[in-house]
Amino acid sequence: MERRFFLGALGAAPSVTKAADLCGCGFVPQSAVGAEAFAGVGSKIKITRVKVFGVSLTPESDRPYVFVKLETNQPGLYGWGEGTLEGKAAAVMACVDDFKDFLIGSDPMQVEHHWQSMYVHSFYRAGPVIGSAISGIDQALWDIRGKALNMPVYKLLGGPADPRGVRGYYHLRARTKADLPRLREEARRQGITCFKSGIPGYYEWIETHAKIGKAVQSIADLREGLGNDIDIGIDFHAKTSPSVASILVKELEPLNLLFVEEPCPPENVKAMQRIARRSTTPIATGERLIAAYGCRELVEMGVVDIIQTDINHVGGITALWKTGAICEASGIAMAPHACEGPIGGLATIHVDAAMPNFLVQEICSGVDIGPQEKVWHEWLGFPAMRMVDGRFPLSQKPGLGFDLTEEALKKYPFGGTRPMARVFHEDGSVAEW
């Protein structure tokens, strides 16, 4: 007897029902995610409805927010999450709808069980679309869990590690060198200790000395303008080849950067390792990686110093927490990416607050309050993702610490999916941006 049929005959997996065909690869699905099996040990809370909202602050936005709301059979108990994915909003919304059968009728307190079911039972391993859908649902589950237990999520995770809150950074929005002294003084006034910027232009596989020199000088100007008491991270955004990145990271060493981010695409682990070996500047990456499994090779090989997974893509609070744990065991710091909406940003702060290896939190905002921050304040009733004395404050409210009404979102209807920017080199070949 072949091994697969022998194992099937043993009935060793009671959660799998009768095989639908003789090939052994098709099964009759169970209803309600096996919820009946947990009736005696779970809570009396049940998920009754899954809603997903596309929200476009402007009709032409390439990153409309994707918000998830889970309702329960308990009056007034519901959870919010975010699964915003740049350029693929409609796909994520459809994927959230696909997961309704995994959730409705089940206990929302069993967060890990639902995460495993969505990830494993999707069969094909999650990419950014499935990862973002799971992220939005997972955040909403944790929001419900915290509200049901009357505790902030960061306390459920064992935090806070620092009662002052979560250290963060804004993006450096300076048009010229002349803007830098004002930004430096404003940063000091607000207690901001870190900024992030990027490198100018786009880069071929092998670049000219002049172009590399221009990139180095632009970053040297930032250091001169901001002074030595403000940390600076520089995002290469994978625009550089390993050859170009290797030269740049070496040239930038005297500037004492906090990190260089994505010097090459994160899936090219050995190239990233080659770059890291040539510089003492800390190397960061990870915003495009899905689940803790996506970081495994980087962590095991000791390639990078900082992991930057995004709570809206990696798989939510559950996956970000696990990523932080495997990194902590290997001496790697966490500086999560967050360049989408306010729900994911606020959820990230809860995980940051409980991680012993947390370094700094990104938010794609500047020192000056912009239009998106005004909308967030309009929705949530407080200045979401704005630092106080250089730190994001910790909420004492249960769950993720905010409330949001469906009515508030109607002012910004979904404008449809829009492609992200497409850039090309002078010869017409595709460029990373």
Protein backbone atom coordinates (compact mmCIF):
# COMPACT_ATOMS: atom_id res chain seq x y z
CA MET A 1 0.00 0.00 0.00
CA GLU A 2 1.33 3.45 -0.87
CA ARG A 3 2.23 5.66 2.10
CA ARG A 4 -0.34 8.37 1.39
CA PHE A 5 -3.22 5.86 1.24
CA PHE A 6 -1.93 4.06 4.33
CA LEU A 7 -1.88 7.30 6.34
CA GLY A 8 -5.33 8.21 5.07
CA ALA A 9 -6.68 4.82 6.19
CA LEU A 10 -5.41 5.38 9.72
CA GLY A 11 -7.73 8.36 10.14
CA ALA A 12 -4.95 10.19 11.94
CA ALA A 13 -6.34 13.60 11.01
CA PRO A 14 -9.91 13.79 12.34
CA SER A 15 -10.33 17.40 11.16
CA VAL A 16 -10.16 16.29 7.51
CA THR A 17 -13.29 14.67 6.17
CA LYS A 18 -13.73 11.92 3.62
CA ALA A 19 -11.57 12.20 0.51
CA ALA A 20 -13.50 13.45 -2.48
CA ASP A 21 -11.48 11.50 -5.03
CA LEU A 22 -8.94 8.71 -5.29
CA CYS A 23 -5.97 10.97 -5.99
CA GLY A 24 -5.85 11.96 -2.33
CA CYS A 25 -5.65 15.70 -3.07
CA GLY A 26 -9.29 16.74 -2.84
CA PHE A 27 -11.32 16.94 0.36
CA VAL A 28 -14.82 17.93 1.34
CA PRO A 29 -14.47 21.23 3.25
CA GLN A 30 -15.75 21.60 6.79
CA SER A 31 -18.15 24.33 7.80
CA ALA A 32 -17.52 27.11 10.32
CA VAL A 33 -13.75 26.54 10.47
CA GLY A 34 -14.17 23.63 12.84
CA ALA A 35 -15.86 25.99 15.32
CA GLU A 36 -17.87 23.15 16.87
CA ALA A 37 -14.67 21.53 18.10
CA PHE A 38 -14.00 24.54 20.37
CA ALA A 39 -17.52 24.97 21.73
CA GLY A 40 -16.53 23.70 25.17
CA VAL A 41 -13.40 25.82 25.60
CA GLY A 42 -14.03 29.00 23.63
CA SER A 43 -15.91 32.17 24.48
CA LYS A 44 -19.55 32.81 23.74
CA ILE A 45 -18.61 35.56 21.29
CA LYS A 46 -19.23 34.75 17.64
CA ILE A 47 -18.34 36.61 14.47
CA THR A 48 -21.57 37.45 12.68
CA ARG A 49 -20.44 39.68 9.81
CA VAL A 50 -17.32 40.60 7.85
CA LYS A 51 -17.26 44.00 6.14
CA VAL A 52 -14.58 45.52 3.94
CA PHE A 53 -14.33 49.16 2.88
CA GLY A 54 -12.30 50.80 0.15
CA VAL A 55 -11.59 54.41 1.07
CA SER A 56 -9.96 56.87 -1.36
CA LEU A 57 -8.86 60.23 0.07
CA THR A 58 -8.55 61.36 -3.54
CA PRO A 59 -10.15 59.65 -6.57
CA GLU A 60 -6.78 59.15 -8.26
CA SER A 61 -4.98 57.67 -5.22
CA ASP A 62 -2.85 54.58 -5.95
CA ARG A 63 -3.21 53.47 -2.33
CA PRO A 64 -6.82 53.72 -1.23
CA TYR A 65 -7.24 52.40 2.27
CA VAL A 66 -8.70 48.94 2.76
CA PHE A 67 -10.42 48.76 6.15
CA VAL A 68 -11.93 45.59 7.63
CA LYS A 69 -14.71 45.49 10.23
CA LEU A 70 -15.71 42.32 12.09
CA GLU A 71 -19.05 42.37 13.89
CA THR A 72 -20.07 39.97 16.63
CA ASN A 73 -23.17 38.68 18.39
CA GLN A 74 -22.35 40.90 21.39
CA PRO A 75 -23.99 44.35 21.16
CA GLY A 76 -21.42 47.07 20.49
CA LEU A 77 -18.49 44.66 20.22
CA TYR A 78 -16.70 44.86 16.89
CA GLY A 79 -13.16 45.22 15.62
CA TRP A 80 -11.38 47.27 12.97
CA GLY A 81 -8.29 46.36 10.96
CA GLU A 82 -6.43 47.52 7.87
CA GLY A 83 -5.14 45.66 4.83
CA THR A 84 -4.17 48.53 2.53
CA LEU A 85 -2.02 47.34 -0.38
CA GLU A 86 -0.66 49.90 -2.79
CA GLY A 87 -1.92 49.36 -6.32
CA LYS A 88 -4.01 46.28 -5.46
CA ALA A 89 -6.89 47.54 -3.30
CA ALA A 90 -9.71 45.75 -5.12
CA ALA A 91 -7.81 42.46 -5.06
CA VAL A 92 -7.39 42.65 -1.28
CA MET A 93 -11.05 43.55 -0.80
CA ALA A 94 -12.07 40.51 -2.84
CA CYS A 95 -9.70 38.33 -0.80
CA VAL A 96 -11.22 39.55 2.48
CA ASP A 97 -14.63 38.54 1.08
CA ASP A 98 -13.17 35.12 0.24
CA PHE A 99 -12.24 34.65 3.90
CA LYS A 100 -15.81 35.21 5.18
CA ASP A 101 -16.46 31.47 5.28
CA PHE A 102 -13.38 31.05 7.49
CA LEU A 103 -14.75 33.46 10.09
CA ILE A 104 -18.52 33.78 10.33
CA GLY A 105 -19.86 31.71 13.23
CA SER A 106 -16.43 31.38 14.83
CA ASP A 107 -14.97 32.66 18.09
CA PRO A 108 -12.90 35.84 17.44
CA MET A 109 -10.83 35.21 20.56
CA GLN A 110 -9.02 32.35 18.81
CA VAL A 111 -6.74 34.68 16.87
CA GLU A 112 -3.92 32.19 16.26
CA HIS A 113 -6.32 29.51 15.05
CA HIS A 114 -7.86 31.86 12.50
CA TRP A 115 -4.46 33.09 11.33
CA GLN A 116 -3.26 29.54 10.74
CA SER A 117 -6.47 28.57 8.98
CA MET A 118 -6.38 31.53 6.59
CA TYR A 119 -2.69 31.08 5.83
CA VAL A 120 -2.51 27.29 5.61
CA HIS A 121 -5.92 26.58 4.09
CA SER A 122 -5.26 29.03 1.27
CA PHE A 123 -2.84 26.27 0.16
CA TYR A 124 -0.73 28.54 -2.07
CA ARG A 125 1.51 30.46 0.27
CA ALA A 126 0.52 34.03 0.86
CA GLY A 127 1.86 36.82 -1.27
CA PRO A 128 1.02 40.49 -0.72
CA VAL A 129 -2.68 40.16 -1.60
CA ILE A 130 -3.47 37.26 0.74
CA GLY A 131 -1.03 38.66 3.30
CA SER A 132 -2.78 42.04 3.32
CA ALA A 133 -6.24 40.46 3.59
CA ILE A 134 -5.08 38.36 6.55
CA SER A 135 -3.49 41.49 8.06
CA GLY A 136 -6.74 43.44 8.06
CA ILE A 137 -8.71 40.55 9.54
CA ASP A 138 -6.06 39.77 12.15
CA GLN A 139 -5.92 43.36 13.40
CA ALA A 140 -9.71 43.39 13.75
CA LEU A 141 -9.57 40.12 15.72
CA TRP A 142 -7.04 41.59 18.15
CA ASP A 143 -9.15 44.74 18.45
CA ILE A 144 -12.12 42.60 19.48
CA ARG A 145 -9.96 40.56 21.84
CA GLY A 146 -8.68 43.65 23.64
CA LYS A 147 -12.15 45.17 23.92
CA ALA A 148 -13.65 41.91 25.24
CA LEU A 149 -10.93 41.69 27.90
CA ASN A 150 -10.96 45.47 28.55
CA MET A 151 -7.24 45.84 27.89
CA PRO A 152 -5.09 47.63 25.30
CA VAL A 153 -3.58 45.16 22.86
CA TYR A 154 -0.01 46.05 23.87
CA LYS A 155 -0.82 44.89 27.41
CA LEU A 156 -2.17 41.60 26.06
CA LEU A 157 1.24 41.20 24.38
CA GLY A 158 3.09 41.84 27.64
CA GLY A 159 3.93 45.52 27.19
CA PRO A 160 4.74 48.26 27.54
CA ALA A 161 8.50 47.97 27.41
CA ASP A 162 8.85 51.76 27.75
CA PRO A 163 6.18 53.85 29.51
CA ARG A 164 7.19 56.95 27.53
CA GLY A 165 5.71 55.46 24.38
CA VAL A 166 7.16 54.39 21.04
CA ARG A 167 10.06 56.21 19.43
CA GLY A 168 9.32 57.22 15.84
CA TYR A 169 10.53 59.10 12.82
CA TYR A 170 8.99 61.24 10.12
CA HIS A 171 10.00 61.46 6.49
CA LEU A 172 12.32 64.35 5.72
CA ARG A 173 10.49 66.70 3.40
CA ALA A 174 13.04 69.30 2.38
CA ARG A 175 13.10 70.75 -1.13
CA THR A 176 16.50 72.41 -0.80
CA LYS A 177 19.44 72.61 1.62
CA ALA A 178 17.98 75.88 2.83
CA ASP A 179 14.98 74.01 4.29
CA LEU A 180 17.12 71.87 6.58
CA PRO A 181 17.89 74.39 9.36
CA ARG A 182 14.16 75.06 9.85
CA LEU A 183 13.39 71.34 9.96
CA ARG A 184 16.24 70.78 12.40
CA GLU A 185 14.94 73.44 14.77
CA GLU A 186 11.36 72.21 14.47
CA ALA A 187 12.55 68.66 15.19
CA ARG A 188 14.33 69.82 18.31
CA ARG A 189 11.24 71.72 19.44
CA GLN A 190 9.07 68.61 19.00
CA GLY A 191 11.64 66.21 20.49
CA ILE A 192 12.08 64.35 17.18
CA THR A 193 15.32 62.38 17.13
CA CYS A 194 15.18 60.68 13.73
CA PHE A 195 14.28 61.29 10.08
CA LYS A 196 14.29 59.16 6.95
CA SER A 197 15.08 60.24 3.43
CA GLY A 198 16.12 58.60 0.16
CA ILE A 199 18.66 58.75 -2.61
CA PRO A 200 18.02 60.90 -5.69
CA GLY A 201 17.28 59.48 -9.14
CA TYR A 202 17.33 55.97 -10.57
CA TYR A 203 20.30 53.70 -11.06
CA GLU A 204 21.55 51.33 -13.75
CA TRP A 205 23.26 48.03 -12.92
CA ILE A 206 26.63 49.73 -13.20
CA GLU A 207 26.61 53.48 -12.65
CA THR A 208 28.92 56.37 -13.42
CA HIS A 209 31.22 57.84 -10.82
CA ALA A 210 29.45 61.18 -11.25
CA LYS A 211 26.02 59.80 -10.43
CA ILE A 212 27.29 57.90 -7.41
CA GLY A 213 29.11 61.01 -6.24
CA LYS A 214 25.94 63.07 -6.56
CA ALA A 215 24.03 60.56 -4.40
CA VAL A 216 26.71 60.60 -1.71
CA GLN A 217 26.82 64.40 -1.68
CA SER A 218 23.05 64.71 -1.33
CA ILE A 219 23.11 62.54 1.79
CA ALA A 220 26.17 64.37 3.15
CA ASP A 221 24.16 67.59 2.79
CA LEU A 222 21.44 66.09 4.96
CA ARG A 223 23.91 65.21 7.69
CA GLU A 224 25.43 68.68 7.59
CA GLY A 225 22.04 70.40 7.64
CA LEU A 226 20.50 68.28 10.42
CA GLY A 227 23.58 67.99 12.60
CA ASN A 228 24.99 64.98 14.40
CA ASP A 229 22.36 64.73 17.13
CA ILE A 230 19.57 63.57 14.79
CA ASP A 231 19.59 60.02 13.43
CA ILE A 232 19.14 59.60 9.69
CA GLY A 233 17.93 56.53 7.81
CA ILE A 234 18.34 56.38 4.04
CA ASP A 235 15.98 54.32 1.91
CA PHE A 236 17.53 53.00 -1.31
CA HIS A 237 14.12 51.49 -2.18
CA ALA A 238 15.92 48.69 -4.05
CA LYS A 239 16.78 51.20 -6.79
CA THR A 240 20.41 50.15 -6.73
CA SER A 241 22.03 46.97 -7.97
CA PRO A 242 24.28 45.06 -5.56
CA SER A 243 27.33 46.56 -7.32
CA VAL A 244 26.15 50.15 -6.97
CA ALA A 245 24.83 49.61 -3.45
CA SER A 246 28.16 48.13 -2.32
CA ILE A 247 29.96 51.29 -3.37
CA LEU A 248 27.39 53.61 -1.82
CA VAL A 249 27.22 51.94 1.59
CA LYS A 250 30.98 52.11 1.86
CA GLU A 251 31.10 55.77 0.81
CA LEU A 252 28.37 56.66 3.32
CA GLU A 253 30.09 55.12 6.36
CA PRO A 254 31.55 58.46 7.64
CA LEU A 255 28.02 59.91 7.90
CA ASN A 256 27.07 57.48 10.72
CA LEU A 257 23.62 56.67 9.36
CA LEU A 258 21.10 54.85 11.53
CA PHE A 259 20.53 52.45 8.63
CA VAL A 260 20.49 51.97 4.89
CA GLU A 261 17.19 50.45 3.77
CA GLU A 262 16.63 48.02 0.88
CA PRO A 263 19.98 48.41 -0.89
CA CYS A 264 18.70 45.68 -3.23
CA PRO A 265 15.43 43.71 -3.55
CA PRO A 266 14.83 41.74 -0.33
CA GLU A 267 14.29 38.44 -2.14
CA ASN A 268 17.93 38.53 -3.29
CA VAL A 269 19.31 37.40 0.06
CA LYS A 270 22.84 36.54 -0.99
CA ALA A 271 23.24 39.85 -2.80
CA MET A 272 22.04 41.62 0.35
CA GLN A 273 24.61 39.64 2.32
CA ARG A 274 27.37 40.69 -0.05
CA ILE A 275 26.45 44.35 0.39
CA ALA A 276 26.25 44.07 4.17
CA ARG A 277 29.71 42.52 4.41
CA ARG A 278 31.24 45.56 2.74
CA SER A 279 29.99 48.15 5.23
CA THR A 280 29.66 48.90 8.92
CA THR A 281 26.45 50.84 8.26
CA PRO A 282 23.44 48.86 9.57
CA ILE A 283 21.34 47.31 6.80
CA ALA A 284 17.53 47.23 7.00
CA THR A 285 14.90 45.54 4.86
CA GLY A 286 11.60 43.69 4.99
CA GLU A 287 8.64 45.92 4.13
CA ARG A 288 7.76 43.67 1.16
CA LEU A 289 8.04 40.37 3.06
CA ILE A 290 5.02 38.27 4.06
CA ALA A 291 4.67 36.30 7.32
CA ALA A 292 7.49 35.49 9.71
CA TYR A 293 8.47 32.74 7.27
CA GLY A 294 9.40 35.37 4.69
CA CYS A 295 12.12 36.67 7.02
CA ARG A 296 13.53 33.28 7.96
CA GLU A 297 16.45 33.19 5.54
CA LEU A 298 17.52 36.77 6.29
CA VAL A 299 17.48 36.03 10.01
CA GLU A 300 19.15 32.62 9.85
CA MET A 301 21.96 33.89 7.65
CA GLY A 302 22.49 36.98 9.79
CA VAL A 303 22.27 39.17 6.68
CA VAL A 304 20.66 42.32 8.06
CA ASP A 305 20.62 44.33 11.26
CA ILE A 306 17.03 45.59 11.15
CA ILE A 307 13.77 44.02 9.89
CA GLN A 308 10.99 46.35 8.71
CA THR A 309 7.93 44.20 8.05
CA ASP A 310 4.65 46.07 7.57
CA ILE A 311 1.65 45.17 9.74
CA ASN A 312 -0.71 45.74 6.79
CA HIS A 313 1.06 43.18 4.58
CA VAL A 314 3.01 40.74 6.76
CA GLY A 315 -0.09 39.15 8.32
CA GLY A 316 -1.23 41.62 10.97
CA ILE A 317 -0.39 41.83 14.65
CA THR A 318 0.11 38.06 14.93
CA ALA A 319 2.74 37.93 12.18
CA LEU A 320 4.52 41.14 13.19
CA TRP A 321 4.80 39.88 16.76
CA LYS A 322 6.23 36.55 15.60
CA THR A 323 8.70 38.30 13.31
CA GLY A 324 9.88 40.40 16.21
CA ALA A 325 10.34 37.29 18.33
CA ILE A 326 12.51 35.41 15.84
CA CYS A 327 14.56 38.56 15.26
CA GLU A 328 15.04 39.16 18.98
CA ALA A 329 16.45 35.67 19.39
CA SER A 330 19.01 36.44 16.68
CA GLY A 331 20.04 39.91 17.84
CA ILE A 332 18.17 41.74 15.07
CA ALA A 333 16.20 44.94 15.72
CA MET A 334 12.70 45.82 14.50
CA ALA A 335 11.74 49.08 12.79
CA PRO A 336 8.35 48.35 11.20
CA HIS A 337 7.29 50.00 7.96
CA ALA A 338 3.97 51.93 8.02
CA CYS A 339 3.05 54.02 5.00
CA GLU A 340 -0.65 53.37 4.62
CA GLY A 341 -3.60 54.38 6.80
CA PRO A 342 -4.12 55.16 10.49
CA ILE A 343 -5.53 51.82 11.65
CA GLY A 344 -2.45 49.84 10.67
CA GLY A 345 -0.23 52.56 12.12
CA LEU A 346 -2.00 52.48 15.47
CA ALA A 347 -1.96 48.67 15.51
CA THR A 348 1.79 48.71 14.88
CA ILE A 349 2.40 50.89 17.92
CA HIS A 350 0.82 48.23 20.14
CA VAL A 351 3.27 45.60 18.88
CA ASP A 352 6.23 48.01 19.07
CA ALA A 353 5.40 48.79 22.70
CA ALA A 354 5.79 45.14 23.69
CA MET A 355 8.87 44.16 21.62
CA PRO A 356 12.19 44.13 23.52
CA ASN A 357 14.12 44.56 20.26
CA PHE A 358 12.11 47.47 18.92
CA LEU A 359 14.21 50.31 17.46
CA VAL A 360 12.07 52.99 15.82
CA GLN A 361 8.68 53.31 14.08
CA GLU A 362 8.15 54.79 10.64
CA ILE A 363 5.19 56.91 9.64
CA CYS A 364 4.93 58.40 6.14
CA SER A 365 4.26 61.89 7.40
CA GLY A 366 6.36 64.97 7.83
CA VAL A 367 7.06 67.37 10.66
CA ASP A 368 4.26 69.58 9.34
CA ILE A 369 0.71 68.22 9.51
CA GLY A 370 -0.66 67.40 6.07
CA PRO A 371 -4.10 66.71 4.55
CA GLN A 372 -4.11 63.00 5.44
CA GLU A 373 -3.43 63.68 9.11
CA LYS A 374 -6.35 66.12 9.17
CA VAL A 375 -8.65 63.42 7.76
CA TRP A 376 -7.42 60.90 10.33
CA HIS A 377 -8.19 63.39 13.10
CA GLU A 378 -11.63 63.91 11.59
CA TRP A 379 -12.29 60.16 11.65
CA LEU A 380 -10.80 59.18 14.99
CA GLY A 381 -11.17 62.32 17.08
CA PHE A 382 -7.49 62.65 17.99
CA PRO A 383 -4.20 63.31 16.14
CA ALA A 384 -3.46 59.73 15.10
CA MET A 385 0.18 58.84 14.41
CA ARG A 386 1.53 62.20 15.58
CA MET A 387 4.43 62.09 17.99
CA VAL A 388 4.65 63.88 21.33
CA ASP A 389 8.23 64.62 22.42
CA GLY A 390 9.49 62.32 19.68
CA ARG A 391 7.32 59.36 20.67
CA PHE A 392 3.94 57.93 19.75
CA PRO A 393 1.85 57.92 22.95
CA LEU A 394 0.26 54.73 24.25
CA SER A 395 -3.51 54.58 24.55
CA GLN A 396 -5.11 53.29 27.75
CA LYS A 397 -8.31 52.39 25.91
CA PRO A 398 -9.14 48.73 25.27
CA GLY A 399 -8.37 47.05 21.97
CA LEU A 400 -6.48 49.20 19.49
CA GLY A 401 -7.60 52.33 21.31
CA PHE A 402 -9.87 54.10 18.84
CA ASP A 403 -13.35 54.04 17.43
CA LEU A 404 -14.43 54.66 13.86
CA THR A 405 -17.87 54.85 12.30
CA GLU A 406 -18.85 53.62 8.87
CA GLU A 407 -20.59 56.94 8.35
CA ALA A 408 -17.28 58.80 8.65
CA LEU A 409 -15.86 56.87 5.68
CA LYS A 410 -18.67 57.75 3.28
CA LYS A 411 -17.18 61.17 2.57
CA TYR A 412 -14.28 59.39 0.82
CA PRO A 413 -15.80 56.71 -1.44
CA PHE A 414 -13.66 54.06 -3.07
CA GLY A 415 -12.26 55.43 -6.31
CA GLY A 416 -11.08 52.08 -7.62
CA THR A 417 -7.68 50.49 -7.91
CA ARG A 418 -4.97 52.64 -9.47
CA PRO A 419 -1.54 51.36 -10.52
CA MET A 420 1.50 52.48 -8.61
CA ALA A 421 4.08 54.67 -10.32
CA ARG A 422 5.94 53.14 -13.25
CA VAL A 423 9.41 54.49 -13.99
CA PHE A 424 11.89 53.71 -16.76
CA HIS A 425 15.52 54.33 -17.54
CA GLU A 426 16.53 56.50 -20.49
CA ASP A 427 16.78 53.44 -22.74
CA GLY A 428 13.22 52.41 -21.89
CA SER A 429 14.12 49.54 -19.56
CA VAL A 430 12.18 49.14 -16.32
CA ALA A 431 13.59 50.92 -13.27
CA GLU A 432 13.00 50.25 -9.60
CA TRP A 433 11.48 53.22 -7.83
